[in-house]
Amino acid sequence: SDKKGMPTTSMPDVNSAPSRVILLSGWQDRVRVGEKEAPSLIKAEFHLSSDQISDTFLDIRAWKRGVVYVNGFNIGRYFSGGPQLTMYIPAPLLRAGQNTIMIFEHYVNAPTIQLLTDPIFL
């Protein structure tokens, strides 16, 4: 038989590797005065009543490059080069009561997070 590629015996077994839980309880918020381009993890919390839940759009025009999570669900990546100007948040991901948006931004410390009822098109 003609075997090609990596032999199966050389594949690492990651299932039996020990794993560690790293607790983030010791972290503290830091404000970098004067630094406009630095990686940032931004958390925003907001409340919705059951009648306010609908498809929503996150305005990303003030951001440069990063990843967005809504209530622990990865909405996706964004890049200022486009083509998107807003990110879609489906109504089933939102819940009555407290909701959380987490953004990992690689470059810009944008001052606001804005939710919209309609997308923005070029």
PDB file of N, CA and C in Angstrom:
ATOM      1  N   SER A   1       0.837  -1.189   0.000  1.00  0.00           N
ATOM      2  CA  SER A   1       0.000   0.000   0.000  1.00  0.00           C
ATOM      3  C   SER A   1       0.875   1.242   0.000  1.00  0.00           C
ATOM      4  N   ASP A   2       0.392   2.284  -0.607  1.00  0.00           N
ATOM      5  CA  ASP A   2       1.138   3.531  -0.751  1.00  0.00           C
ATOM      6  C   ASP A   2       0.648   4.522   0.295  1.00  0.00           C
ATOM      7  N   LYS A   3       1.432   4.717   1.362  1.00  0.00           N
ATOM      8  CA  LYS A   3       1.039   5.641   2.431  1.00  0.00           C
ATOM      9  C   LYS A   3       1.655   7.003   2.178  1.00  0.00           C
ATOM     10  N   LYS A   4       0.842   8.036   2.326  1.00  0.00           N
ATOM     11  CA  LYS A   4       1.317   9.396   2.118  1.00  0.00           C
ATOM     12  C   LYS A   4       0.974  10.234   3.334  1.00  0.00           C
ATOM     13  N   GLY A   5       1.705  11.306   3.508  1.00  0.00           N
ATOM     14  CA  GLY A   5       1.413  12.200   4.620  1.00  0.00           C
ATOM     15  C   GLY A   5       2.097  11.760   5.898  1.00  0.00           C
ATOM     16  N   MET A   6       1.610  12.257   6.998  1.00  0.00           N
ATOM     17  CA  MET A   6       2.200  11.977   8.298  1.00  0.00           C
ATOM     18  C   MET A   6       1.726  10.617   8.809  1.00  0.00           C
ATOM     19  N   PRO A   7       2.664   9.761   9.227  1.00  0.00           N
ATOM     20  CA  PRO A   7       2.242   8.471   9.791  1.00  0.00           C
ATOM     21  C   PRO A   7       1.392   8.693  11.049  1.00  0.00           C
ATOM     22  N   THR A   8       0.401   7.842  11.234  1.00  0.00           N
ATOM     23  CA  THR A   8      -0.504   8.023  12.376  1.00  0.00           C
ATOM     24  C   THR A   8       0.185   7.803  13.711  1.00  0.00           C
ATOM     25  N   THR A   9       1.304   7.104  13.730  1.00  0.00           N
ATOM     26  CA  THR A   9       1.988   6.859  14.998  1.00  0.00           C
ATOM     27  C   THR A   9       2.687   8.105  15.525  1.00  0.00           C
ATOM     28  N   SER A  10       2.891   9.119  14.669  1.00  0.00           N
ATOM     29  CA  SER A  10       3.593  10.316  15.134  1.00  0.00           C
ATOM     30  C   SER A  10       2.650  11.436  15.563  1.00  0.00           C
ATOM     31  N   MET A  11       1.343  11.199  15.527  1.00  0.00           N
ATOM     32  CA  MET A  11       0.381  12.221  15.945  1.00  0.00           C
ATOM     33  C   MET A  11       0.364  12.315  17.468  1.00  0.00           C
ATOM     34  N   PRO A  12       0.433  13.515  18.017  1.00  0.00           N
ATOM     35  CA  PRO A  12       0.396  13.649  19.474  1.00  0.00           C
ATOM     36  C   PRO A  12      -0.991  13.306  20.020  1.00  0.00           C
ATOM     37  N   ASP A  13      -1.011  12.682  21.176  1.00  0.00           N
ATOM     38  CA  ASP A  13      -2.270  12.340  21.831  1.00  0.00           C
ATOM     39  C   ASP A  13      -2.605  13.448  22.817  1.00  0.00           C
ATOM     40  N   VAL A  14      -3.427  14.403  22.380  1.00  0.00           N
ATOM     41  CA  VAL A  14      -3.757  15.543  23.237  1.00  0.00           C
ATOM     42  C   VAL A  14      -4.879  15.224  24.214  1.00  0.00           C
ATOM     43  N   ASN A  15      -5.596  14.126  23.990  1.00  0.00           N
ATOM     44  CA  ASN A  15      -6.698  13.776  24.882  1.00  0.00           C
ATOM     45  C   ASN A  15      -6.224  13.344  26.261  1.00  0.00           C
ATOM     46  N   SER A  16      -5.026  12.771  26.345  1.00  0.00           N
ATOM     47  CA  SER A  16      -4.527  12.326  27.642  1.00  0.00           C
ATOM     48  C   SER A  16      -3.619  13.363  28.306  1.00  0.00           C
ATOM     49  N   ALA A  17      -3.427  14.512  27.662  1.00  0.00           N
ATOM     50  CA  ALA A  17      -2.576  15.558  28.233  1.00  0.00           C
ATOM     51  C   ALA A  17      -3.263  16.191  29.441  1.00  0.00           C
ATOM     52  N   PRO A  18      -2.518  16.452  30.507  1.00  0.00           N
ATOM     53  CA  PRO A  18      -3.136  17.100  31.672  1.00  0.00           C
ATOM     54  C   PRO A  18      -3.519  18.540  31.345  1.00  0.00           C
ATOM     55  N   SER A  19      -4.599  18.999  31.931  1.00  0.00           N
ATOM     56  CA  SER A  19      -5.023  20.382  31.708  1.00  0.00           C
ATOM     57  C   SER A  19      -5.111  21.107  33.041  1.00  0.00           C
ATOM     58  N   ARG A  20      -4.945  22.422  32.984  1.00  0.00           N
ATOM     59  CA  ARG A  20      -5.011  23.244  34.188  1.00  0.00           C
ATOM     60  C   ARG A  20      -6.119  24.260  34.036  1.00  0.00           C
ATOM     61  N   VAL A  21      -6.746  24.585  35.143  1.00  0.00           N
ATOM     62  CA  VAL A  21      -7.724  25.661  35.166  1.00  0.00           C
ATOM     63  C   VAL A  21      -7.017  26.892  35.712  1.00  0.00           C
ATOM     64  N   ILE A  22      -7.045  27.967  34.960  1.00  0.00           N
ATOM     65  CA  ILE A  22      -6.403  29.206  35.384  1.00  0.00           C
ATOM     66  C   ILE A  22      -7.492  30.161  35.843  1.00  0.00           C
ATOM     67  N   LEU A  23      -7.468  30.503  37.113  1.00  0.00           N
ATOM     68  CA  LEU A  23      -8.472  31.403  37.666  1.00  0.00           C
ATOM     69  C   LEU A  23      -8.074  32.849  37.399  1.00  0.00           C
ATOM     70  N   LEU A  24      -9.033  33.657  36.994  1.00  0.00           N
ATOM     71  CA  LEU A  24      -8.761  35.049  36.671  1.00  0.00           C
ATOM     72  C   LEU A  24      -9.154  35.982  37.808  1.00  0.00           C
ATOM     73  N   SER A  25      -9.384  35.446  38.983  1.00  0.00           N
ATOM     74  CA  SER A  25      -9.867  36.269  40.092  1.00  0.00           C
ATOM     75  C   SER A  25      -8.834  37.283  40.568  1.00  0.00           C
ATOM     76  N   GLY A  26      -7.570  37.058  40.315  1.00  0.00           N
ATOM     77  CA  GLY A  26      -6.539  37.971  40.782  1.00  0.00           C
ATOM     78  C   GLY A  26      -6.261  39.132  39.840  1.00  0.00           C
ATOM     79  N   TRP A  27      -6.950  39.183  38.706  1.00  0.00           N
ATOM     80  CA  TRP A  27      -6.720  40.251  37.739  1.00  0.00           C
ATOM     81  C   TRP A  27      -7.330  41.548  38.229  1.00  0.00           C
ATOM     82  N   GLN A  28      -6.712  42.654  37.841  1.00  0.00           N
ATOM     83  CA  GLN A  28      -7.227  43.971  38.190  1.00  0.00           C
ATOM     84  C   GLN A  28      -7.355  44.800  36.918  1.00  0.00           C
ATOM     85  N   ASP A  29      -8.347  45.688  36.914  1.00  0.00           N
ATOM     86  CA  ASP A  29      -8.498  46.598  35.782  1.00  0.00           C
ATOM     87  C   ASP A  29      -7.354  47.598  35.787  1.00  0.00           C
ATOM     88  N   ARG A  30      -6.838  47.877  34.618  1.00  0.00           N
ATOM     89  CA  ARG A  30      -5.770  48.865  34.466  1.00  0.00           C
ATOM     90  C   ARG A  30      -6.180  49.857  33.391  1.00  0.00           C
ATOM     91  N   VAL A  31      -5.898  51.098  33.617  1.00  0.00           N
ATOM     92  CA  VAL A  31      -6.161  52.131  32.622  1.00  0.00           C
ATOM     93  C   VAL A  31      -4.820  52.635  32.127  1.00  0.00           C
ATOM     94  N   ARG A  32      -4.619  52.563  30.832  1.00  0.00           N
ATOM     95  CA  ARG A  32      -3.369  53.037  30.242  1.00  0.00           C
ATOM     96  C   ARG A  32      -3.612  54.420  29.676  1.00  0.00           C
ATOM     97  N   VAL A  33      -3.198  55.404  30.390  1.00  0.00           N
ATOM     98  CA  VAL A  33      -3.419  56.782  29.967  1.00  0.00           C
ATOM     99  C   VAL A  33      -2.505  57.098  28.795  1.00  0.00           C
ATOM    100  N   GLY A  34      -3.084  57.639  27.742  1.00  0.00           N
ATOM    101  CA  GLY A  34      -2.300  58.055  26.591  1.00  0.00           C
ATOM    102  C   GLY A  34      -2.071  56.969  25.559  1.00  0.00           C
ATOM    103  N   GLU A  35      -2.352  55.715  25.880  1.00  0.00           N
ATOM    104  CA  GLU A  35      -2.172  54.635  24.916  1.00  0.00           C
ATOM    105  C   GLU A  35      -3.444  54.448  24.130  1.00  0.00           C
ATOM    106  N   LYS A  36      -3.389  54.752  22.846  1.00  0.00           N
ATOM    107  CA  LYS A  36      -4.580  54.618  22.016  1.00  0.00           C
ATOM    108  C   LYS A  36      -4.604  53.297  21.266  1.00  0.00           C
ATOM    109  N   GLU A  37      -3.461  52.662  21.101  1.00  0.00           N
ATOM    110  CA  GLU A  37      -3.410  51.391  20.397  1.00  0.00           C
ATOM    111  C   GLU A  37      -2.760  50.346  21.282  1.00  0.00           C
ATOM    112  N   ALA A  38      -3.608  49.545  21.926  1.00  0.00           N
ATOM    113  CA  ALA A  38      -3.147  48.463  22.779  1.00  0.00           C
ATOM    114  C   ALA A  38      -4.244  47.410  22.833  1.00  0.00           C
ATOM    115  N   PRO A  39      -3.895  46.138  22.944  1.00  0.00           N
ATOM    116  CA  PRO A  39      -4.931  45.114  23.072  1.00  0.00           C
ATOM    117  C   PRO A  39      -5.802  45.374  24.302  1.00  0.00           C
ATOM    118  N   SER A  40      -7.106  45.166  24.143  1.00  0.00           N
ATOM    119  CA  SER A  40      -8.048  45.438  25.232  1.00  0.00           C
ATOM    120  C   SER A  40      -9.120  44.365  25.262  1.00  0.00           C
ATOM    121  N   LEU A  41      -9.573  44.049  26.459  1.00  0.00           N
ATOM    122  CA  LEU A  41     -10.732  43.187  26.649  1.00  0.00           C
ATOM    123  C   LEU A  41     -11.801  44.055  27.283  1.00  0.00           C
ATOM    124  N   ILE A  42     -12.876  44.285  26.545  1.00  0.00           N
ATOM    125  CA  ILE A  42     -13.925  45.205  26.980  1.00  0.00           C
ATOM    126  C   ILE A  42     -15.167  44.396  27.313  1.00  0.00           C
ATOM    127  N   LYS A  43     -15.757  44.689  28.464  1.00  0.00           N
ATOM    128  CA  LYS A  43     -16.983  44.007  28.881  1.00  0.00           C
ATOM    129  C   LYS A  43     -18.058  45.058  29.104  1.00  0.00           C
ATOM    130  N   ALA A  44     -19.223  44.844  28.491  1.00  0.00           N
ATOM    131  CA  ALA A  44     -20.361  45.741  28.681  1.00  0.00           C
ATOM    132  C   ALA A  44     -21.569  44.901  29.065  1.00  0.00           C
ATOM    133  N   GLU A  45     -22.304  45.371  30.056  1.00  0.00           N
ATOM    134  CA  GLU A  45     -23.518  44.683  30.483  1.00  0.00           C
ATOM    135  C   GLU A  45     -24.703  45.606  30.273  1.00  0.00           C
ATOM    136  N   PHE A  46     -25.823  45.038  29.845  1.00  0.00           N
ATOM    137  CA  PHE A  46     -27.034  45.824  29.626  1.00  0.00           C
ATOM    138  C   PHE A  46     -28.244  44.948  29.917  1.00  0.00           C
ATOM    139  N   HIS A  47     -29.342  45.596  30.251  1.00  0.00           N
ATOM    140  CA  HIS A  47     -30.579  44.886  30.582  1.00  0.00           C
ATOM    141  C   HIS A  47     -31.612  45.077  29.477  1.00  0.00           C
ATOM    142  N   LEU A  48     -32.359  44.015  29.208  1.00  0.00           N
ATOM    143  CA  LEU A  48     -33.452  44.062  28.248  1.00  0.00           C
ATOM    144  C   LEU A  48     -34.703  43.479  28.892  1.00  0.00           C
ATOM    145  N   SER A  49     -35.833  44.071  28.587  1.00  0.00           N
ATOM    146  CA  SER A  49     -37.096  43.447  28.976  1.00  0.00           C
ATOM    147  C   SER A  49     -37.482  42.478  27.862  1.00  0.00           C
ATOM    148  N   SER A  50     -38.406  41.582  28.128  1.00  0.00           N
ATOM    149  CA  SER A  50     -38.763  40.566  27.130  1.00  0.00           C
ATOM    150  C   SER A  50     -39.322  41.183  25.848  1.00  0.00           C
ATOM    151  N   ASP A  51     -39.970  42.341  25.946  1.00  0.00           N
ATOM    152  CA  ASP A  51     -40.509  42.974  24.737  1.00  0.00           C
ATOM    153  C   ASP A  51     -39.448  43.750  23.947  1.00  0.00           C
ATOM    154  N   GLN A  52     -38.252  43.919  24.489  1.00  0.00           N
ATOM    155  CA  GLN A  52     -37.169  44.612  23.783  1.00  0.00           C
ATOM    156  C   GLN A  52     -36.285  43.656  22.983  1.00  0.00           C
ATOM    157  N   ILE A  53     -36.444  42.365  23.172  1.00  0.00           N
ATOM    158  CA  ILE A  53     -35.577  41.395  22.502  1.00  0.00           C
ATOM    159  C   ILE A  53     -35.946  41.294  21.028  1.00  0.00           C
ATOM    160  N   SER A  54     -34.972  41.569  20.178  1.00  0.00           N
ATOM    161  CA  SER A  54     -35.153  41.452  18.727  1.00  0.00           C
ATOM    162  C   SER A  54     -33.771  41.342  18.088  1.00  0.00           C
ATOM    163  N   ASP A  55     -33.738  41.045  16.793  1.00  0.00           N
ATOM    164  CA  ASP A  55     -32.462  41.036  16.087  1.00  0.00           C
ATOM    165  C   ASP A  55     -31.808  42.401  16.263  1.00  0.00           C
ATOM    166  N   THR A  56     -30.520  42.398  16.547  1.00  0.00           N
ATOM    167  CA  THR A  56     -29.794  43.622  16.889  1.00  0.00           C
ATOM    168  C   THR A  56     -28.491  43.655  16.100  1.00  0.00           C
ATOM    169  N   PHE A  57     -27.926  44.841  15.954  1.00  0.00           N
ATOM    170  CA  PHE A  57     -26.672  45.007  15.225  1.00  0.00           C
ATOM    171  C   PHE A  57     -25.700  45.811  16.076  1.00  0.00           C
ATOM    172  N   LEU A  58     -24.460  45.356  16.142  1.00  0.00           N
ATOM    173  CA  LEU A  58     -23.400  46.042  16.878  1.00  0.00           C
ATOM    174  C   LEU A  58     -22.633  46.916  15.898  1.00  0.00           C
ATOM    175  N   ASP A  59     -22.568  48.206  16.186  1.00  0.00           N
ATOM    176  CA  ASP A  59     -21.835  49.163  15.349  1.00  0.00           C
ATOM    177  C   ASP A  59     -20.345  48.992  15.626  1.00  0.00           C
ATOM    178  N   ILE A  60     -19.576  48.610  14.613  1.00  0.00           N
ATOM    179  CA  ILE A  60     -18.137  48.374  14.801  1.00  0.00           C
ATOM    180  C   ILE A  60     -17.277  49.392  14.055  1.00  0.00           C
ATOM    181  N   ARG A  61     -17.863  50.507  13.637  1.00  0.00           N
ATOM    182  CA  ARG A  61     -17.100  51.503  12.872  1.00  0.00           C
ATOM    183  C   ARG A  61     -15.968  52.128  13.677  1.00  0.00           C
ATOM    184  N   ALA A  62     -16.087  52.214  14.995  1.00  0.00           N
ATOM    185  CA  ALA A  62     -15.043  52.830  15.824  1.00  0.00           C
ATOM    186  C   ALA A  62     -13.943  51.838  16.196  1.00  0.00           C
ATOM    187  N   TRP A  63     -14.118  50.567  15.850  1.00  0.00           N
ATOM    188  CA  TRP A  63     -13.171  49.522  16.224  1.00  0.00           C
ATOM    189  C   TRP A  63     -12.277  49.171  15.041  1.00  0.00           C
ATOM    190  N   LYS A  64     -11.173  48.475  15.316  1.00  0.00           N
ATOM    191  CA  LYS A  64     -10.217  48.179  14.252  1.00  0.00           C
ATOM    192  C   LYS A  64     -10.177  46.692  13.890  1.00  0.00           C
ATOM    193  N   ARG A  65      -9.862  45.835  14.852  1.00  0.00           N
ATOM    194  CA  ARG A  65      -9.772  44.392  14.594  1.00  0.00           C
ATOM    195  C   ARG A  65      -9.984  43.647  15.899  1.00  0.00           C
ATOM    196  N   GLY A  66     -10.866  42.655  15.881  1.00  0.00           N
ATOM    197  CA  GLY A  66     -11.102  41.913  17.106  1.00  0.00           C
ATOM    198  C   GLY A  66     -12.155  40.833  16.970  1.00  0.00           C
ATOM    199  N   VAL A  67     -12.644  40.386  18.138  1.00  0.00           N
ATOM    200  CA  VAL A  67     -13.621  39.311  18.236  1.00  0.00           C
ATOM    201  C   VAL A  67     -14.708  39.744  19.206  1.00  0.00           C
ATOM    202  N   VAL A  68     -15.974  39.381  18.905  1.00  0.00           N
ATOM    203  CA  VAL A  68     -17.112  39.776  19.739  1.00  0.00           C
ATOM    204  C   VAL A  68     -17.833  38.535  20.261  1.00  0.00           C
ATOM    205  N   TYR A  69     -18.142  38.547  21.571  1.00  0.00           N
ATOM    206  CA  TYR A  69     -18.944  37.507  22.213  1.00  0.00           C
ATOM    207  C   TYR A  69     -20.170  38.165  22.829  1.00  0.00           C
ATOM    208  N   VAL A  70     -21.336  37.552  22.643  1.00  0.00           N
ATOM    209  CA  VAL A  70     -22.563  38.018  23.281  1.00  0.00           C
ATOM    210  C   VAL A  70     -23.102  36.867  24.120  1.00  0.00           C
ATOM    211  N   ASN A  71     -23.213  37.100  25.421  1.00  0.00           N
ATOM    212  CA  ASN A  71     -23.675  36.074  26.360  1.00  0.00           C
ATOM    213  C   ASN A  71     -22.912  34.765  26.180  1.00  0.00           C
ATOM    214  N   GLY A  72     -21.597  34.881  25.979  1.00  0.00           N
ATOM    215  CA  GLY A  72     -20.733  33.714  25.853  1.00  0.00           C
ATOM    216  C   GLY A  72     -20.695  33.082  24.473  1.00  0.00           C
ATOM    217  N   PHE A  73     -21.465  33.600  23.521  1.00  0.00           N
ATOM    218  CA  PHE A  73     -21.503  33.054  22.167  1.00  0.00           C
ATOM    219  C   PHE A  73     -20.641  33.911  21.250  1.00  0.00           C
ATOM    220  N   ASN A  74     -19.774  33.277  20.477  1.00  0.00           N
ATOM    221  CA  ASN A  74     -18.892  33.994  19.555  1.00  0.00           C
ATOM    222  C   ASN A  74     -19.695  34.479  18.352  1.00  0.00           C
ATOM    223  N   ILE A  75     -19.898  35.799  18.279  1.00  0.00           N
ATOM    224  CA  ILE A  75     -20.612  36.404  17.154  1.00  0.00           C
ATOM    225  C   ILE A  75     -19.723  36.407  15.913  1.00  0.00           C
ATOM    226  N   GLY A  76     -18.427  36.616  16.104  1.00  0.00           N
ATOM    227  CA  GLY A  76     -17.510  36.594  14.973  1.00  0.00           C
ATOM    228  C   GLY A  76     -16.380  37.590  15.117  1.00  0.00           C
ATOM    229  N   ARG A  77     -15.538  37.612  14.084  1.00  0.00           N
ATOM    230  CA  ARG A  77     -14.408  38.540  14.030  1.00  0.00           C
ATOM    231  C   ARG A  77     -14.787  39.731  13.170  1.00  0.00           C
ATOM    232  N   TYR A  78     -14.086  40.827  13.390  1.00  0.00           N
ATOM    233  CA  TYR A  78     -14.311  42.010  12.561  1.00  0.00           C
ATOM    234  C   TYR A  78     -12.971  42.645  12.224  1.00  0.00           C
ATOM    235  N   PHE A  79     -12.985  43.439  11.170  1.00  0.00           N
ATOM    236  CA  PHE A  79     -11.785  44.125  10.704  1.00  0.00           C
ATOM    237  C   PHE A  79     -12.226  45.432  10.069  1.00  0.00           C
ATOM    238  N   SER A  80     -11.532  46.502  10.389  1.00  0.00           N
ATOM    239  CA  SER A  80     -11.926  47.823   9.891  1.00  0.00           C
ATOM    240  C   SER A  80     -11.830  47.932   8.371  1.00  0.00           C
ATOM    241  N   GLY A  81     -11.089  47.030   7.744  1.00  0.00           N
ATOM    242  CA  GLY A  81     -10.993  47.027   6.294  1.00  0.00           C
ATOM    243  C   GLY A  81     -12.268  46.559   5.618  1.00  0.00           C
ATOM    244  N   GLY A  82     -13.218  46.145   6.414  1.00  0.00           N
ATOM    245  CA  GLY A  82     -14.540  45.786   5.913  1.00  0.00           C
ATOM    246  C   GLY A  82     -14.645  44.339   5.495  1.00  0.00           C
ATOM    247  N   PRO A  83     -15.723  44.006   4.864  1.00  0.00           N
ATOM    248  CA  PRO A  83     -16.718  44.917   4.317  1.00  0.00           C
ATOM    249  C   PRO A  83     -17.814  45.311   5.312  1.00  0.00           C
ATOM    250  N   GLN A  84     -17.885  44.655   6.458  1.00  0.00           N
ATOM    251  CA  GLN A  84     -18.999  44.930   7.367  1.00  0.00           C
ATOM    252  C   GLN A  84     -18.776  46.194   8.193  1.00  0.00           C
ATOM    253  N   LEU A  85     -19.869  46.866   8.513  1.00  0.00           N
ATOM    254  CA  LEU A  85     -19.852  48.031   9.403  1.00  0.00           C
ATOM    255  C   LEU A  85     -20.611  47.739  10.689  1.00  0.00           C
ATOM    256  N   THR A  86     -21.409  46.683  10.651  1.00  0.00           N
ATOM    257  CA  THR A  86     -22.153  46.232  11.827  1.00  0.00           C
ATOM    258  C   THR A  86     -22.044  44.718  11.913  1.00  0.00           C
ATOM    259  N   MET A  87     -22.225  44.187  13.124  1.00  0.00           N
ATOM    260  CA  MET A  87     -22.249  42.741  13.327  1.00  0.00           C
ATOM    261  C   MET A  87     -23.642  42.344  13.789  1.00  0.00           C
ATOM    262  N   TYR A  88     -24.151  41.276  13.218  1.00  0.00           N
ATOM    263  CA  TYR A  88     -25.501  40.802  13.491  1.00  0.00           C
ATOM    264  C   TYR A  88     -25.549  40.015  14.797  1.00  0.00           C
ATOM    265  N   ILE A  89     -26.489  40.368  15.674  1.00  0.00           N
ATOM    266  CA  ILE A  89     -26.742  39.633  16.915  1.00  0.00           C
ATOM    267  C   ILE A  89     -28.169  39.099  16.819  1.00  0.00           C
ATOM    268  N   PRO A  90     -28.346  37.792  16.591  1.00  0.00           N
ATOM    269  CA  PRO A  90     -29.693  37.240  16.470  1.00  0.00           C
ATOM    270  C   PRO A  90     -30.461  37.326  17.790  1.00  0.00           C
ATOM    271  N   ALA A  91     -31.758  37.545  17.705  1.00  0.00           N
ATOM    272  CA  ALA A  91     -32.608  37.685  18.893  1.00  0.00           C
ATOM    273  C   ALA A  91     -32.491  36.506  19.860  1.00  0.00           C
ATOM    274  N   PRO A  92     -32.388  35.244  19.398  1.00  0.00           N
ATOM    275  CA  PRO A  92     -32.306  34.133  20.356  1.00  0.00           C
ATOM    276  C   PRO A  92     -31.068  34.157  21.257  1.00  0.00           C
ATOM    277  N   LEU A  93     -30.043  34.931  20.889  1.00  0.00           N
ATOM    278  CA  LEU A  93     -28.859  35.032  21.753  1.00  0.00           C
ATOM    279  C   LEU A  93     -29.062  36.018  22.897  1.00  0.00           C
ATOM    280  N   LEU A  94     -30.049  36.874  22.774  1.00  0.00           N
ATOM    281  CA  LEU A  94     -30.333  37.858  23.818  1.00  0.00           C
ATOM    282  C   LEU A  94     -31.377  37.281  24.765  1.00  0.00           C
ATOM    283  N   ARG A  95     -31.349  37.734  26.013  1.00  0.00           N
ATOM    284  CA  ARG A  95     -32.299  37.222  26.997  1.00  0.00           C
ATOM    285  C   ARG A  95     -32.887  38.362  27.805  1.00  0.00           C
ATOM    286  N   ALA A  96     -34.043  38.123  28.361  1.00  0.00           N
ATOM    287  CA  ALA A  96     -34.650  39.109  29.251  1.00  0.00           C
ATOM    288  C   ALA A  96     -33.789  39.192  30.505  1.00  0.00           C
ATOM    289  N   GLY A  97     -33.488  40.404  30.938  1.00  0.00           N
ATOM    290  CA  GLY A  97     -32.594  40.594  32.078  1.00  0.00           C
ATOM    291  C   GLY A  97     -31.221  41.021  31.611  1.00  0.00           C
ATOM    292  N   GLN A  98     -30.201  40.588  32.339  1.00  0.00           N
ATOM    293  CA  GLN A  98     -28.836  41.032  32.056  1.00  0.00           C
ATOM    294  C   GLN A  98     -28.236  40.287  30.872  1.00  0.00           C
ATOM    295  N   ASN A  99     -27.586  41.035  29.987  1.00  0.00           N
ATOM    296  CA  ASN A  99     -26.853  40.511  28.836  1.00  0.00           C
ATOM    297  C   ASN A  99     -25.434  41.061  28.893  1.00  0.00           C
ATOM    298  N   THR A 100     -24.496  40.309  28.339  1.00  0.00           N
ATOM    299  CA  THR A 100     -23.091  40.716  28.376  1.00  0.00           C
ATOM    300  C   THR A 100     -22.487  40.677  26.979  1.00  0.00           C
ATOM    301  N   ILE A 101     -21.765  41.730  26.640  1.00  0.00           N
ATOM    302  CA  ILE A 101     -20.968  41.768  25.411  1.00  0.00           C
ATOM    303  C   ILE A 101     -19.507  41.829  25.832  1.00  0.00           C
ATOM    304  N   MET A 102     -18.697  40.924  25.294  1.00  0.00           N
ATOM    305  CA  MET A 102     -17.250  40.929  25.518  1.00  0.00           C
ATOM    306  C   MET A 102     -16.595  41.146  24.162  1.00  0.00           C
ATOM    307  N   ILE A 103     -15.678  42.100  24.115  1.00  0.00           N
ATOM    308  CA  ILE A 103     -14.956  42.392  22.878  1.00  0.00           C
ATOM    309  C   ILE A 103     -13.464  42.316  23.165  1.00  0.00           C
ATOM    310  N   PHE A 104     -12.762  41.492  22.392  1.00  0.00           N
ATOM    311  CA  PHE A 104     -11.305  41.525  22.434  1.00  0.00           C
ATOM    312  C   PHE A 104     -10.863  42.338  21.236  1.00  0.00           C
ATOM    313  N   GLU A 105     -10.350  43.529  21.500  1.00  0.00           N
ATOM    314  CA  GLU A 105      -9.907  44.459  20.460  1.00  0.00           C
ATOM    315  C   GLU A 105      -8.384  44.461  20.438  1.00  0.00           C
ATOM    316  N   HIS A 106      -7.812  44.237  19.270  1.00  0.00           N
ATOM    317  CA  HIS A 106      -6.358  44.154  19.138  1.00  0.00           C
ATOM    318  C   HIS A 106      -5.663  45.508  19.216  1.00  0.00           C
ATOM    319  N   TYR A 107      -6.315  46.582  18.758  1.00  0.00           N
ATOM    320  CA  TYR A 107      -5.607  47.843  18.595  1.00  0.00           C
ATOM    321  C   TYR A 107      -6.224  49.054  19.284  1.00  0.00           C
ATOM    322  N   VAL A 108      -7.491  49.345  19.047  1.00  0.00           N
ATOM    323  CA  VAL A 108      -8.081  50.630  19.420  1.00  0.00           C
ATOM    324  C   VAL A 108      -8.854  50.535  20.728  1.00  0.00           C
ATOM    325  N   ASN A 109      -8.659  51.499  21.606  1.00  0.00           N
ATOM    326  CA  ASN A 109      -9.465  51.598  22.818  1.00  0.00           C
ATOM    327  C   ASN A 109     -10.647  52.514  22.534  1.00  0.00           C
ATOM    328  N   ALA A 110     -11.621  52.009  21.784  1.00  0.00           N
ATOM    329  CA  ALA A 110     -12.794  52.817  21.424  1.00  0.00           C
ATOM    330  C   ALA A 110     -13.637  53.077  22.670  1.00  0.00           C
ATOM    331  N   PRO A 111     -14.201  54.267  22.802  1.00  0.00           N
ATOM    332  CA  PRO A 111     -14.886  54.651  24.037  1.00  0.00           C
ATOM    333  C   PRO A 111     -16.302  54.122  24.195  1.00  0.00           C
ATOM    334  N   THR A 112     -16.945  53.662  23.113  1.00  0.00           N
ATOM    335  CA  THR A 112     -18.353  53.285  23.230  1.00  0.00           C
ATOM    336  C   THR A 112     -18.665  51.981  22.508  1.00  0.00           C
ATOM    337  N   ILE A 113     -19.745  51.354  22.974  1.00  0.00           N
ATOM    338  CA  ILE A 113     -20.342  50.215  22.292  1.00  0.00           C
ATOM    339  C   ILE A 113     -21.756  50.644  21.962  1.00  0.00           C
ATOM    340  N   GLN A 114     -22.127  50.572  20.685  1.00  0.00           N
ATOM    341  CA  GLN A 114     -23.446  51.039  20.270  1.00  0.00           C
ATOM    342  C   GLN A 114     -24.209  49.907  19.596  1.00  0.00           C
ATOM    343  N   LEU A 115     -25.440  49.648  20.089  1.00  0.00           N
ATOM    344  CA  LEU A 115     -26.324  48.657  19.492  1.00  0.00           C
ATOM    345  C   LEU A 115     -27.350  49.376  18.624  1.00  0.00           C
ATOM    346  N   LEU A 116     -27.644  48.802  17.458  1.00  0.00           N
ATOM    347  CA  LEU A 116     -28.553  49.418  16.495  1.00  0.00           C
ATOM    348  C   LEU A 116     -29.691  48.461  16.150  1.00  0.00           C
ATOM    349  N   THR A 117     -30.799  49.014  15.690  1.00  0.00           N
ATOM    350  CA  THR A 117     -31.927  48.183  15.258  1.00  0.00           C
ATOM    351  C   THR A 117     -31.799  47.758  13.804  1.00  0.00           C
ATOM    352  N   ASP A 118     -30.989  48.470  13.021  1.00  0.00           N
ATOM    353  CA  ASP A 118     -30.810  48.167  11.600  1.00  0.00           C
ATOM    354  C   ASP A 118     -29.328  48.153  11.252  1.00  0.00           C
ATOM    355  N   PRO A 119     -28.939  47.354  10.253  1.00  0.00           N
ATOM    356  CA  PRO A 119     -27.535  47.347   9.840  1.00  0.00           C
ATOM    357  C   PRO A 119     -27.175  48.620   9.093  1.00  0.00           C
ATOM    358  N   ILE A 120     -25.887  48.891   9.010  1.00  0.00           N
ATOM    359  CA  ILE A 120     -25.382  50.031   8.244  1.00  0.00           C
ATOM    360  C   ILE A 120     -24.744  49.476   6.978  1.00  0.00           C
ATOM    361  N   PHE A 121     -25.150  50.005   5.839  1.00  0.00           N
ATOM    362  CA  PHE A 121     -24.597  49.586   4.554  1.00  0.00           C
ATOM    363  C   PHE A 121     -23.811  50.733   3.947  1.00  0.00           C
ATOM    364  N   LEU A 122     -22.821  50.388   3.139  1.00  0.00           N
ATOM    365  CA  LEU A 122     -22.044  51.409   2.426  1.00  0.00           C
ATOM    366  C   LEU A 122     -22.870  52.044   1.342  1.00  0.00           C
TER     367      LEU A 122
END
